[in-house]
Amino acid sequence: MQPAHGNSDRTGWRILIAGTGGQGVLTAARLLCDRFVELGHQVVSGQLHGMAQRGGAVQSGVIIDGGISPVIPAGRADYVLGCEPAETVRALPLMSARTTVYMNTCPVVPFVLTQHAVRGDGPAEYPPLEELTAALHDVAGRVFTCDATAAARRAGSGRALNMVMLGCLLGDGGLPCSPEGFWSGAATRLPPALREINTRAFWQGVELAGRLAAGRSGVCG
């Protein structure tokens, strides 16, 4: 199965997951790696940048059947899952017309901005969402924006955001595995106490991907 946008020169699938510390970026990457290894694919992964312990920017790349390097070259990402808007745009150098982006529209204001407000140095000015989205459209081939945080909360916990994003990825139909095939194995790797919420979150993401592909709203209400 090929990505919906298609690339005749593409070998394998290169996926970047971007967000901030605490959003489950590394957990989502690990589930992708483990499940596709189980399905018989060659998979490599690498944390491209991380300050997870401080709540800073985190990026993790997953490459399926694309060679032995864990680094996604400039312009070669097939998918970008953006758990946070500004962190999605931070990944622009890895995007091109080949790239499909799923971006969560719920921002996490960086610590440095909130400190400015606390000290009275000025308001916590976060880039307008419209500007961030426009920057993505200027580079990436397909851009879908959705309130994935709202979807996670509907599933039972905002901390399940990463599962919503995985649902969007598998629901897109561009990876060599169906959502059912992926989740049947991935769910068994989650703690039993969290399995039900994460399962609901994953299928919320699959539903979101279908809604976005059909041109409907990416807001869960």
N, C-alpha and C. Protein backbone atom coordinates (compact mmCIF):
# COMPACT_ATOMS: atom_id res chain seq x y z
N MET A 1 0.85 -1.19 0.00
CA MET A 1 0.00 0.00 0.00
C MET A 1 0.88 1.23 0.00
N GLN A 2 0.59 2.21 -0.86
CA GLN A 2 1.40 3.40 -0.99
C GLN A 2 0.70 4.58 -0.33
N PRO A 3 1.47 5.60 0.09
CA PRO A 3 0.83 6.80 0.60
C PRO A 3 -0.12 7.38 -0.42
N ALA A 4 -1.19 8.01 0.06
CA ALA A 4 -2.22 8.50 -0.83
C ALA A 4 -1.70 9.50 -1.84
N HIS A 5 -0.64 10.24 -1.50
CA HIS A 5 -0.11 11.23 -2.42
C HIS A 5 0.87 10.63 -3.40
N GLY A 6 1.45 9.47 -3.07
CA GLY A 6 2.27 8.72 -4.01
C GLY A 6 3.61 9.38 -4.31
N ASN A 7 4.65 8.58 -4.47
CA ASN A 7 5.97 9.05 -4.87
C ASN A 7 6.68 7.92 -5.58
N SER A 8 6.96 8.11 -6.86
CA SER A 8 7.59 7.04 -7.62
C SER A 8 9.01 6.78 -7.18
N ASP A 9 9.66 7.82 -6.55
CA ASP A 9 11.04 7.65 -6.14
C ASP A 9 11.15 7.25 -4.67
N ARG A 10 10.02 6.98 -4.04
CA ARG A 10 10.04 6.73 -2.61
C ARG A 10 10.34 5.27 -2.31
N THR A 11 11.21 5.05 -1.37
CA THR A 11 11.46 3.72 -0.84
C THR A 11 11.16 3.76 0.64
N GLY A 12 10.28 2.93 1.08
CA GLY A 12 9.92 2.89 2.48
C GLY A 12 9.01 4.04 2.89
N TRP A 13 8.82 4.15 4.18
CA TRP A 13 7.96 5.18 4.76
C TRP A 13 8.73 5.89 5.86
N ARG A 14 8.79 7.20 5.78
CA ARG A 14 9.51 8.01 6.76
C ARG A 14 8.51 8.87 7.54
N ILE A 15 8.44 8.63 8.82
CA ILE A 15 7.43 9.27 9.66
C ILE A 15 8.11 10.06 10.76
N LEU A 16 7.72 11.31 10.91
CA LEU A 16 8.24 12.13 12.00
C LEU A 16 7.09 12.46 12.94
N ILE A 17 7.32 12.25 14.23
CA ILE A 17 6.35 12.62 15.26
C ILE A 17 6.98 13.76 16.06
N ALA A 18 6.28 14.89 16.12
CA ALA A 18 6.82 16.08 16.77
C ALA A 18 5.86 16.58 17.84
N GLY A 19 6.43 17.04 18.95
CA GLY A 19 5.59 17.58 20.02
C GLY A 19 6.45 18.13 21.12
N THR A 20 5.88 18.18 22.31
CA THR A 20 6.62 18.64 23.47
C THR A 20 6.70 17.53 24.50
N GLY A 21 7.59 17.69 25.46
CA GLY A 21 7.73 16.70 26.51
C GLY A 21 6.41 16.47 27.24
N GLY A 22 6.05 15.21 27.43
CA GLY A 22 4.81 14.87 28.10
C GLY A 22 3.66 14.54 27.17
N GLN A 23 3.86 14.72 25.86
CA GLN A 23 2.79 14.43 24.90
C GLN A 23 2.85 13.00 24.34
N GLY A 24 3.80 12.22 24.80
CA GLY A 24 3.85 10.83 24.39
C GLY A 24 4.46 10.57 23.03
N VAL A 25 5.32 11.48 22.58
CA VAL A 25 5.95 11.33 21.26
C VAL A 25 6.76 10.03 21.20
N LEU A 26 7.57 9.78 22.20
CA LEU A 26 8.44 8.60 22.17
C LEU A 26 7.63 7.31 22.31
N THR A 27 6.56 7.35 23.09
CA THR A 27 5.71 6.17 23.22
C THR A 27 5.06 5.83 21.89
N ALA A 28 4.56 6.83 21.19
CA ALA A 28 3.94 6.60 19.88
C ALA A 28 4.94 6.01 18.90
N ALA A 29 6.16 6.55 18.91
CA ALA A 29 7.20 6.03 18.02
C ALA A 29 7.54 4.59 18.35
N ARG A 30 7.61 4.29 19.63
CA ARG A 30 7.93 2.92 20.04
C ARG A 30 6.85 1.94 19.61
N LEU A 31 5.59 2.32 19.74
CA LEU A 31 4.50 1.44 19.30
C LEU A 31 4.56 1.20 17.80
N LEU A 32 4.85 2.25 17.04
CA LEU A 32 4.99 2.08 15.59
C LEU A 32 6.12 1.09 15.27
N CYS A 33 7.26 1.32 15.90
CA CYS A 33 8.41 0.45 15.64
C CYS A 33 8.11 -1.00 16.00
N ASP A 34 7.61 -1.22 17.19
CA ASP A 34 7.38 -2.58 17.67
C ASP A 34 6.37 -3.31 16.79
N ARG A 35 5.30 -2.63 16.43
CA ARG A 35 4.25 -3.31 15.66
C ARG A 35 4.72 -3.64 14.26
N PHE A 36 5.42 -2.74 13.59
CA PHE A 36 5.85 -3.01 12.23
C PHE A 36 6.98 -4.03 12.19
N VAL A 37 7.78 -4.10 13.23
CA VAL A 37 8.75 -5.19 13.33
C VAL A 37 8.02 -6.53 13.42
N GLU A 38 6.97 -6.57 14.25
CA GLU A 38 6.17 -7.78 14.38
C GLU A 38 5.56 -8.20 13.04
N LEU A 39 5.26 -7.22 12.21
CA LEU A 39 4.65 -7.50 10.91
C LEU A 39 5.68 -7.85 9.84
N GLY A 40 6.95 -7.89 10.21
CA GLY A 40 7.98 -8.35 9.30
C GLY A 40 8.71 -7.27 8.54
N HIS A 41 8.59 -6.02 8.95
CA HIS A 41 9.25 -4.91 8.25
C HIS A 41 10.57 -4.56 8.92
N GLN A 42 11.45 -3.96 8.13
CA GLN A 42 12.67 -3.40 8.68
C GLN A 42 12.35 -2.01 9.22
N VAL A 43 12.65 -1.77 10.48
CA VAL A 43 12.29 -0.50 11.10
C VAL A 43 13.48 0.05 11.87
N VAL A 44 13.73 1.33 11.70
CA VAL A 44 14.72 2.03 12.52
C VAL A 44 14.07 3.30 13.06
N SER A 45 14.57 3.74 14.20
CA SER A 45 13.99 4.92 14.82
C SER A 45 15.07 5.71 15.53
N GLY A 46 14.85 7.00 15.63
CA GLY A 46 15.80 7.84 16.35
C GLY A 46 15.12 9.07 16.89
N GLN A 47 15.53 9.48 18.08
CA GLN A 47 15.05 10.72 18.65
C GLN A 47 15.91 11.83 18.09
N LEU A 48 15.32 12.66 17.25
CA LEU A 48 16.08 13.67 16.54
C LEU A 48 16.46 14.84 17.43
N HIS A 49 15.59 15.15 18.38
CA HIS A 49 15.88 16.26 19.28
C HIS A 49 15.01 16.05 20.50
N GLY A 50 15.55 16.19 21.66
CA GLY A 50 14.70 15.94 22.81
C GLY A 50 15.10 16.66 24.07
N MET A 51 14.10 17.26 24.72
CA MET A 51 14.27 17.84 26.05
C MET A 51 13.05 17.45 26.85
N ALA A 52 12.68 16.17 26.73
CA ALA A 52 11.40 15.72 27.29
C ALA A 52 11.29 16.00 28.78
N GLN A 53 12.39 15.89 29.51
CA GLN A 53 12.32 16.07 30.95
C GLN A 53 12.02 17.50 31.34
N ARG A 54 12.23 18.44 30.43
CA ARG A 54 11.99 19.85 30.72
C ARG A 54 10.75 20.37 30.01
N GLY A 55 10.01 19.51 29.35
CA GLY A 55 8.81 19.95 28.65
C GLY A 55 9.12 20.65 27.35
N GLY A 56 10.34 20.47 26.84
CA GLY A 56 10.73 21.14 25.60
C GLY A 56 10.38 20.33 24.37
N ALA A 57 10.95 20.74 23.25
CA ALA A 57 10.64 20.13 21.96
C ALA A 57 11.16 18.70 21.89
N VAL A 58 10.33 17.83 21.31
CA VAL A 58 10.71 16.43 21.12
C VAL A 58 10.33 16.01 19.70
N GLN A 59 11.26 15.41 18.99
CA GLN A 59 10.99 14.84 17.68
C GLN A 59 11.51 13.41 17.65
N SER A 60 10.72 12.52 17.07
CA SER A 60 11.16 11.14 16.92
C SER A 60 10.82 10.67 15.52
N GLY A 61 11.81 10.12 14.84
CA GLY A 61 11.60 9.61 13.49
C GLY A 61 11.47 8.10 13.47
N VAL A 62 10.58 7.60 12.64
CA VAL A 62 10.40 6.17 12.44
C VAL A 62 10.49 5.91 10.93
N ILE A 63 11.41 5.04 10.55
CA ILE A 63 11.60 4.73 9.14
C ILE A 63 11.32 3.25 8.92
N ILE A 64 10.35 2.97 8.06
CA ILE A 64 9.91 1.61 7.77
C ILE A 64 10.36 1.23 6.37
N ASP A 65 11.18 0.18 6.27
CA ASP A 65 11.67 -0.32 4.98
C ASP A 65 12.39 0.76 4.19
N GLY A 66 13.12 1.63 4.90
CA GLY A 66 13.78 2.73 4.22
C GLY A 66 15.27 2.81 4.47
N GLY A 67 15.90 1.69 4.81
CA GLY A 67 17.33 1.70 5.05
C GLY A 67 17.67 1.63 6.53
N ILE A 68 18.96 1.79 6.82
CA ILE A 68 19.42 1.57 8.19
C ILE A 68 19.66 2.86 8.97
N SER A 69 19.59 4.00 8.31
CA SER A 69 19.82 5.26 9.02
C SER A 69 18.54 5.70 9.73
N PRO A 70 18.64 6.12 11.01
CA PRO A 70 17.47 6.62 11.74
C PRO A 70 17.15 8.07 11.46
N VAL A 71 17.94 8.72 10.60
CA VAL A 71 17.77 10.14 10.33
C VAL A 71 16.94 10.34 9.07
N ILE A 72 15.92 11.17 9.16
CA ILE A 72 15.11 11.51 7.99
C ILE A 72 15.80 12.68 7.28
N PRO A 73 16.21 12.51 6.02
CA PRO A 73 16.89 13.60 5.31
C PRO A 73 15.94 14.78 5.05
N ALA A 74 16.51 15.92 4.78
CA ALA A 74 15.72 17.12 4.48
C ALA A 74 14.76 16.85 3.33
N GLY A 75 13.51 17.21 3.54
CA GLY A 75 12.49 17.09 2.51
C GLY A 75 11.99 15.69 2.25
N ARG A 76 12.37 14.72 3.07
CA ARG A 76 12.05 13.32 2.76
C ARG A 76 11.01 12.69 3.69
N ALA A 77 10.41 13.45 4.58
CA ALA A 77 9.38 12.88 5.44
C ALA A 77 8.12 12.59 4.62
N ASP A 78 7.61 11.39 4.76
CA ASP A 78 6.34 11.05 4.12
C ASP A 78 5.16 11.49 4.97
N TYR A 79 5.32 11.37 6.28
CA TYR A 79 4.29 11.79 7.21
C TYR A 79 4.91 12.59 8.34
N VAL A 80 4.21 13.63 8.77
CA VAL A 80 4.56 14.34 9.99
C VAL A 80 3.31 14.38 10.86
N LEU A 81 3.45 13.83 12.07
CA LEU A 81 2.39 13.90 13.06
C LEU A 81 2.78 14.99 14.04
N GLY A 82 2.05 16.08 14.04
CA GLY A 82 2.37 17.21 14.90
C GLY A 82 1.44 17.27 16.09
N CYS A 83 1.94 16.93 17.26
CA CYS A 83 1.13 16.96 18.47
C CYS A 83 0.92 18.38 18.97
N GLU A 84 1.71 19.32 18.46
CA GLU A 84 1.64 20.71 18.91
C GLU A 84 1.95 21.60 17.71
N PRO A 85 1.19 22.68 17.49
CA PRO A 85 1.34 23.45 16.25
C PRO A 85 2.74 23.99 15.97
N ALA A 86 3.33 24.72 16.93
CA ALA A 86 4.65 25.30 16.69
C ALA A 86 5.70 24.23 16.47
N GLU A 87 5.58 23.12 17.18
CA GLU A 87 6.55 22.03 17.00
C GLU A 87 6.37 21.34 15.65
N THR A 88 5.16 21.37 15.12
CA THR A 88 4.95 20.84 13.77
C THR A 88 5.70 21.69 12.76
N VAL A 89 5.59 22.99 12.90
CA VAL A 89 6.27 23.90 11.96
C VAL A 89 7.78 23.81 12.11
N ARG A 90 8.25 23.48 13.30
CA ARG A 90 9.69 23.31 13.50
C ARG A 90 10.26 22.22 12.59
N ALA A 91 9.39 21.31 12.18
CA ALA A 91 9.83 20.20 11.32
C ALA A 91 9.77 20.54 9.84
N LEU A 92 9.51 21.78 9.48
CA LEU A 92 9.41 22.17 8.07
C LEU A 92 10.59 21.74 7.20
N PRO A 93 11.84 21.80 7.69
CA PRO A 93 12.96 21.39 6.83
C PRO A 93 12.87 19.94 6.35
N LEU A 94 12.12 19.10 7.04
CA LEU A 94 12.00 17.70 6.63
C LEU A 94 10.83 17.49 5.67
N MET A 95 10.05 18.51 5.41
CA MET A 95 8.86 18.38 4.58
C MET A 95 9.11 18.80 3.14
N SER A 96 8.21 18.32 2.27
CA SER A 96 8.22 18.70 0.86
C SER A 96 6.84 18.35 0.29
N ALA A 97 6.71 18.40 -1.03
CA ALA A 97 5.43 18.07 -1.66
C ALA A 97 5.05 16.61 -1.42
N ARG A 98 5.99 15.79 -1.02
CA ARG A 98 5.72 14.38 -0.76
C ARG A 98 5.07 14.16 0.61
N THR A 99 5.03 15.18 1.45
CA THR A 99 4.69 15.03 2.86
C THR A 99 3.21 15.24 3.15
N THR A 100 2.66 14.34 3.96
CA THR A 100 1.32 14.52 4.53
C THR A 100 1.48 14.90 5.99
N VAL A 101 0.81 15.97 6.40
CA VAL A 101 0.91 16.48 7.77
C VAL A 101 -0.44 16.35 8.46
N TYR A 102 -0.40 15.81 9.67
CA TYR A 102 -1.55 15.87 10.57
C TYR A 102 -1.12 16.70 11.77
N MET A 103 -1.75 17.86 11.93
CA MET A 103 -1.34 18.77 13.00
C MET A 103 -2.46 18.98 14.01
N ASN A 104 -2.15 18.75 15.27
CA ASN A 104 -3.07 19.08 16.35
C ASN A 104 -3.08 20.59 16.53
N THR A 105 -4.27 21.18 16.62
CA THR A 105 -4.36 22.63 16.67
C THR A 105 -4.32 23.20 18.09
N CYS A 106 -4.23 22.35 19.09
CA CYS A 106 -4.21 22.82 20.48
C CYS A 106 -2.77 23.15 20.88
N PRO A 107 -2.46 24.41 21.16
CA PRO A 107 -1.06 24.78 21.45
C PRO A 107 -0.63 24.49 22.88
N VAL A 108 0.66 24.33 23.04
CA VAL A 108 1.30 24.29 24.36
C VAL A 108 2.26 25.47 24.38
N VAL A 109 1.93 26.48 25.18
CA VAL A 109 2.76 27.69 25.20
C VAL A 109 4.11 27.36 25.83
N PRO A 110 5.21 27.63 25.13
CA PRO A 110 6.53 27.30 25.66
C PRO A 110 6.81 27.98 27.00
N PHE A 111 7.61 27.31 27.81
CA PHE A 111 7.95 27.80 29.15
C PHE A 111 8.54 29.20 29.10
N VAL A 112 9.38 29.47 28.11
CA VAL A 112 10.04 30.78 28.07
C VAL A 112 9.03 31.89 27.87
N LEU A 113 7.95 31.65 27.13
CA LEU A 113 6.93 32.67 26.93
C LEU A 113 6.10 32.90 28.19
N THR A 114 5.76 31.81 28.86
CA THR A 114 4.98 31.98 30.10
C THR A 114 5.81 32.72 31.15
N GLN A 115 7.11 32.50 31.17
CA GLN A 115 7.97 33.22 32.11
C GLN A 115 7.99 34.71 31.82
N HIS A 116 7.96 35.08 30.53
CA HIS A 116 7.89 36.50 30.19
C HIS A 116 6.66 37.13 30.82
N ALA A 117 5.52 36.43 30.73
CA ALA A 117 4.27 36.96 31.28
C ALA A 117 4.33 37.03 32.80
N VAL A 118 4.89 35.99 33.43
CA VAL A 118 4.98 35.97 34.89
C VAL A 118 5.84 37.13 35.41
N ARG A 119 6.93 37.41 34.71
CA ARG A 119 7.83 38.48 35.15
C ARG A 119 7.33 39.87 34.76
N GLY A 120 6.25 39.91 33.99
CA GLY A 120 5.72 41.20 33.56
C GLY A 120 6.47 41.77 32.38
N ASP A 121 7.22 40.93 31.65
CA ASP A 121 7.97 41.41 30.50
C ASP A 121 7.10 41.55 29.25
N GLY A 122 5.85 41.14 29.37
CA GLY A 122 4.97 41.20 28.22
C GLY A 122 4.10 39.96 28.17
N PRO A 123 3.10 39.94 27.30
CA PRO A 123 2.20 38.79 27.22
C PRO A 123 2.90 37.58 26.63
N ALA A 124 2.33 36.39 26.89
CA ALA A 124 2.85 35.17 26.30
C ALA A 124 2.34 35.09 24.86
N GLU A 125 3.11 35.63 23.94
CA GLU A 125 2.68 35.73 22.55
C GLU A 125 3.05 34.46 21.78
N TYR A 126 2.03 33.72 21.42
CA TYR A 126 2.21 32.49 20.65
C TYR A 126 1.87 32.81 19.20
N PRO A 127 2.61 32.24 18.23
CA PRO A 127 2.33 32.55 16.82
C PRO A 127 0.88 32.23 16.47
N PRO A 128 0.22 33.07 15.69
CA PRO A 128 -1.15 32.78 15.26
C PRO A 128 -1.24 31.45 14.53
N LEU A 129 -2.26 30.67 14.86
CA LEU A 129 -2.43 29.36 14.23
C LEU A 129 -2.53 29.47 12.72
N GLU A 130 -3.15 30.54 12.24
CA GLU A 130 -3.31 30.71 10.80
C GLU A 130 -1.95 30.83 10.11
N GLU A 131 -1.01 31.53 10.75
CA GLU A 131 0.32 31.68 10.17
C GLU A 131 1.06 30.35 10.16
N LEU A 132 0.94 29.59 11.23
CA LEU A 132 1.60 28.29 11.28
C LEU A 132 1.04 27.35 10.21
N THR A 133 -0.27 27.35 10.07
CA THR A 133 -0.90 26.48 9.07
C THR A 133 -0.49 26.89 7.66
N ALA A 134 -0.46 28.19 7.40
CA ALA A 134 -0.07 28.68 6.08
C ALA A 134 1.36 28.27 5.75
N ALA A 135 2.24 28.30 6.74
CA ALA A 135 3.63 27.90 6.50
C ALA A 135 3.71 26.43 6.08
N LEU A 136 2.87 25.60 6.68
CA LEU A 136 2.84 24.18 6.29
C LEU A 136 2.32 24.01 4.88
N HIS A 137 1.25 24.71 4.54
CA HIS A 137 0.67 24.61 3.20
C HIS A 137 1.66 25.06 2.12
N ASP A 138 2.56 25.97 2.47
CA ASP A 138 3.55 26.45 1.50
C ASP A 138 4.55 25.37 1.11
N VAL A 139 4.70 24.35 1.97
CA VAL A 139 5.75 23.35 1.75
C VAL A 139 5.20 21.94 1.54
N ALA A 140 4.32 21.52 2.40
CA ALA A 140 3.86 20.12 2.38
C ALA A 140 2.78 19.89 1.31
N GLY A 141 2.70 18.65 0.85
CA GLY A 141 1.74 18.30 -0.18
C GLY A 141 0.31 18.22 0.33
N ARG A 142 0.14 17.69 1.53
CA ARG A 142 -1.19 17.54 2.13
C ARG A 142 -1.09 17.96 3.60
N VAL A 143 -1.98 18.83 4.02
CA VAL A 143 -1.98 19.32 5.39
C VAL A 143 -3.38 19.18 5.97
N PHE A 144 -3.48 18.46 7.07
CA PHE A 144 -4.75 18.29 7.77
C PHE A 144 -4.58 18.81 9.20
N THR A 145 -5.48 19.68 9.61
CA THR A 145 -5.45 20.20 10.98
C THR A 145 -6.68 19.72 11.73
N CYS A 146 -6.48 19.37 12.97
CA CYS A 146 -7.59 18.83 13.76
C CYS A 146 -7.34 19.08 15.24
N ASP A 147 -8.43 19.16 15.98
CA ASP A 147 -8.30 19.32 17.43
C ASP A 147 -8.18 17.93 18.05
N ALA A 148 -6.98 17.39 17.95
CA ALA A 148 -6.74 16.04 18.46
C ALA A 148 -6.78 15.99 19.98
N THR A 149 -6.48 17.10 20.63
CA THR A 149 -6.57 17.13 22.09
C THR A 149 -8.02 16.94 22.53
N ALA A 150 -8.95 17.58 21.83
CA ALA A 150 -10.37 17.41 22.15
C ALA A 150 -10.79 15.96 21.93
N ALA A 151 -10.27 15.34 20.87
CA ALA A 151 -10.59 13.94 20.61
C ALA A 151 -10.09 13.05 21.74
N ALA A 152 -8.88 13.34 22.21
CA ALA A 152 -8.31 12.55 23.31
C ALA A 152 -9.15 12.71 24.58
N ARG A 153 -9.59 13.90 24.85
CA ARG A 153 -10.42 14.13 26.03
C ARG A 153 -11.76 13.41 25.91
N ARG A 154 -12.32 13.38 24.72
CA ARG A 154 -13.57 12.65 24.50
C ARG A 154 -13.37 11.16 24.75
N ALA A 155 -12.16 10.70 24.47
CA ALA A 155 -11.85 9.28 24.70
C ALA A 155 -11.65 8.98 26.18
N GLY A 156 -11.42 10.02 26.98
CA GLY A 156 -11.27 9.81 28.41
C GLY A 156 -10.08 10.47 29.06
N SER A 157 -9.09 10.95 28.26
CA SER A 157 -7.91 11.57 28.84
C SER A 157 -7.15 12.35 27.78
N GLY A 158 -6.81 13.59 28.09
CA GLY A 158 -6.00 14.38 27.18
C GLY A 158 -4.62 13.79 26.97
N ARG A 159 -4.18 12.94 27.89
CA ARG A 159 -2.87 12.32 27.76
C ARG A 159 -2.84 11.26 26.66
N ALA A 160 -4.00 10.92 26.13
CA ALA A 160 -4.07 9.96 25.03
C ALA A 160 -3.94 10.62 23.67
N LEU A 161 -3.49 11.88 23.67
CA LEU A 161 -3.30 12.60 22.41
C LEU A 161 -2.46 11.83 21.42
N ASN A 162 -1.38 11.21 21.90
CA ASN A 162 -0.49 10.49 20.98
C ASN A 162 -1.21 9.33 20.29
N MET A 163 -2.19 8.72 20.97
CA MET A 163 -2.93 7.63 20.34
C MET A 163 -3.88 8.17 19.27
N VAL A 164 -4.42 9.36 19.49
CA VAL A 164 -5.25 9.98 18.46
C VAL A 164 -4.41 10.23 17.21
N MET A 165 -3.20 10.73 17.40
CA MET A 165 -2.33 11.02 16.26
C MET A 165 -1.95 9.74 15.51
N LEU A 166 -1.71 8.65 16.26
CA LEU A 166 -1.45 7.37 15.60
C LEU A 166 -2.67 6.91 14.82
N GLY A 167 -3.86 7.14 15.38
CA GLY A 167 -5.08 6.80 14.65
C GLY A 167 -5.20 7.56 13.35
N CYS A 168 -4.85 8.84 13.37
CA CYS A 168 -4.86 9.63 12.13
C CYS A 168 -3.90 9.02 11.10
N LEU A 169 -2.71 8.66 11.56
CA LEU A 169 -1.71 8.09 10.66
C LEU A 169 -2.19 6.79 10.03
N LEU A 170 -2.69 5.88 10.84
CA LEU A 170 -3.13 4.59 10.31
C LEU A 170 -4.43 4.74 9.53
N GLY A 171 -5.27 5.70 9.93
CA GLY A 171 -6.51 5.93 9.22
C GLY A 171 -6.32 6.58 7.86
N ASP A 172 -5.15 7.17 7.64
CA ASP A 172 -4.86 7.81 6.36
C ASP A 172 -4.82 6.80 5.22
N GLY A 173 -4.49 5.54 5.53
CA GLY A 173 -4.47 4.50 4.51
C GLY A 173 -3.19 4.40 3.71
N GLY A 174 -2.14 5.10 4.12
CA GLY A 174 -0.91 5.10 3.34
C GLY A 174 0.18 4.18 3.83
N LEU A 175 0.00 3.53 4.96
CA LEU A 175 1.00 2.60 5.47
C LEU A 175 0.61 1.16 5.14
N PRO A 176 1.58 0.25 5.14
CA PRO A 176 1.30 -1.14 4.75
C PRO A 176 0.65 -1.94 5.87
N CYS A 177 -0.40 -1.38 6.46
CA CYS A 177 -1.12 -2.06 7.54
C CYS A 177 -2.44 -1.33 7.74
N SER A 178 -3.50 -2.07 7.96
CA SER A 178 -4.79 -1.46 8.25
C SER A 178 -4.83 -0.99 9.70
N PRO A 179 -5.74 -0.07 10.05
CA PRO A 179 -5.87 0.32 11.46
C PRO A 179 -6.16 -0.87 12.36
N GLU A 180 -7.01 -1.78 11.89
CA GLU A 180 -7.33 -2.97 12.69
C GLU A 180 -6.10 -3.84 12.91
N GLY A 181 -5.33 -4.04 11.85
CA GLY A 181 -4.14 -4.86 11.95
C GLY A 181 -3.09 -4.26 12.86
N PHE A 182 -2.98 -2.93 12.80
CA PHE A 182 -2.01 -2.27 13.67
C PHE A 182 -2.43 -2.37 15.13
N TRP A 183 -3.66 -2.00 15.42
CA TRP A 183 -4.08 -1.89 16.80
C TRP A 183 -4.22 -3.24 17.49
N SER A 184 -4.51 -4.28 16.72
CA SER A 184 -4.65 -5.60 17.35
C SER A 184 -3.37 -6.02 18.06
N GLY A 185 -2.23 -5.57 17.54
CA GLY A 185 -0.96 -5.88 18.20
C GLY A 185 -0.48 -4.78 19.11
N ALA A 186 -0.68 -3.53 18.70
CA ALA A 186 -0.19 -2.40 19.49
C ALA A 186 -0.88 -2.32 20.84
N ALA A 187 -2.17 -2.62 20.89
CA ALA A 187 -2.92 -2.50 22.15
C ALA A 187 -2.38 -3.42 23.22
N THR A 188 -1.84 -4.57 22.83
CA THR A 188 -1.34 -5.53 23.81
C THR A 188 -0.08 -5.02 24.50
N ARG A 189 0.55 -3.99 23.96
CA ARG A 189 1.77 -3.45 24.54
C ARG A 189 1.50 -2.33 25.56
N LEU A 190 0.23 -1.99 25.71
CA LEU A 190 -0.13 -0.93 26.65
C LEU A 190 -0.50 -1.52 28.00
N PRO A 191 -0.29 -0.78 29.08
CA PRO A 191 -0.72 -1.25 30.40
C PRO A 191 -2.22 -1.51 30.40
N PRO A 192 -2.67 -2.61 30.97
CA PRO A 192 -4.11 -2.93 30.97
C PRO A 192 -5.00 -1.80 31.47
N ALA A 193 -4.53 -1.06 32.46
CA ALA A 193 -5.34 0.01 33.03
C ALA A 193 -5.58 1.15 32.05
N LEU A 194 -4.68 1.28 31.05
CA LEU A 194 -4.79 2.38 30.09
C LEU A 194 -5.33 1.93 28.74
N ARG A 195 -5.54 0.65 28.58
CA ARG A 195 -5.86 0.11 27.26
C ARG A 195 -7.19 0.62 26.72
N GLU A 196 -8.20 0.68 27.57
CA GLU A 196 -9.52 1.07 27.09
C GLU A 196 -9.53 2.51 26.59
N ILE A 197 -8.97 3.43 27.38
CA ILE A 197 -8.94 4.83 26.97
C ILE A 197 -8.11 5.01 25.71
N ASN A 198 -6.95 4.36 25.66
CA ASN A 198 -6.10 4.51 24.49
C ASN A 198 -6.73 3.90 23.24
N THR A 199 -7.48 2.84 23.42
CA THR A 199 -8.18 2.24 22.28
C THR A 199 -9.23 3.20 21.74
N ARG A 200 -9.98 3.81 22.63
CA ARG A 200 -10.97 4.80 22.18
C ARG A 200 -10.29 5.97 21.48
N ALA A 201 -9.16 6.41 22.02
CA ALA A 201 -8.44 7.54 21.43
C ALA A 201 -7.92 7.18 20.03
N PHE A 202 -7.38 5.98 19.89
CA PHE A 202 -6.88 5.56 18.58
C PHE A 202 -7.99 5.59 17.54
N TRP A 203 -9.14 5.04 17.87
CA TRP A 203 -10.24 5.01 16.90
C TRP A 203 -10.85 6.38 16.69
N GLN A 204 -10.75 7.27 17.68
CA GLN A 204 -11.12 8.66 17.43
C GLN A 204 -10.23 9.24 16.33
N GLY A 205 -8.93 8.91 16.38
CA GLY A 205 -8.01 9.40 15.36
C GLY A 205 -8.30 8.83 13.99
N VAL A 206 -8.62 7.54 13.93
CA VAL A 206 -8.97 6.93 12.64
C VAL A 206 -10.20 7.63 12.05
N GLU A 207 -11.18 7.89 12.91
CA GLU A 207 -12.39 8.59 12.46
C GLU A 207 -12.06 10.00 11.98
N LEU A 208 -11.18 10.68 12.71
CA LEU A 208 -10.76 12.01 12.30
C LEU A 208 -10.12 12.00 10.92
N ALA A 209 -9.24 11.04 10.67
CA ALA A 209 -8.57 10.96 9.37
C ALA A 209 -9.59 10.80 8.25
N GLY A 210 -10.60 9.96 8.46
CA GLY A 210 -11.63 9.78 7.45
C GLY A 210 -12.43 11.05 7.23
N ARG A 211 -12.73 11.76 8.32
CA ARG A 211 -13.49 13.00 8.21
C ARG A 211 -12.69 14.06 7.47
N LEU A 212 -11.39 14.16 7.79
CA LEU A 212 -10.55 15.14 7.13
C LEU A 212 -10.38 14.84 5.65
N ALA A 213 -10.21 13.56 5.31
CA ALA A 213 -10.06 13.17 3.91
C ALA A 213 -11.31 13.51 3.10
N ALA A 214 -12.46 13.48 3.78
CA ALA A 214 -13.72 13.80 3.11
C ALA A 214 -14.01 15.30 3.10
N GLY A 215 -13.08 16.08 3.65
CA GLY A 215 -13.23 17.50 3.66
C GLY A 215 -14.12 18.04 4.73
N ARG A 216 -14.36 17.23 5.78
CA ARG A 216 -15.21 17.69 6.87
C ARG A 216 -14.36 18.23 8.00
N SER A 217 -15.01 18.71 9.03
CA SER A 217 -14.33 19.38 10.13
C SER A 217 -13.41 18.45 10.89
N GLY A 218 -12.27 19.02 11.32
CA GLY A 218 -11.36 18.26 12.17
C GLY A 218 -11.53 18.59 13.63
N VAL A 219 -12.67 19.16 13.98
CA VAL A 219 -12.95 19.51 15.38
C VAL A 219 -13.93 18.49 15.95
N CYS A 220 -13.58 17.92 17.05
CA CYS A 220 -14.48 17.00 17.74
C CYS A 220 -15.36 17.81 18.67
N GLY A 221 -16.64 17.76 18.47
CA GLY A 221 -17.53 18.52 19.33
C GLY A 221 -18.57 17.63 19.95
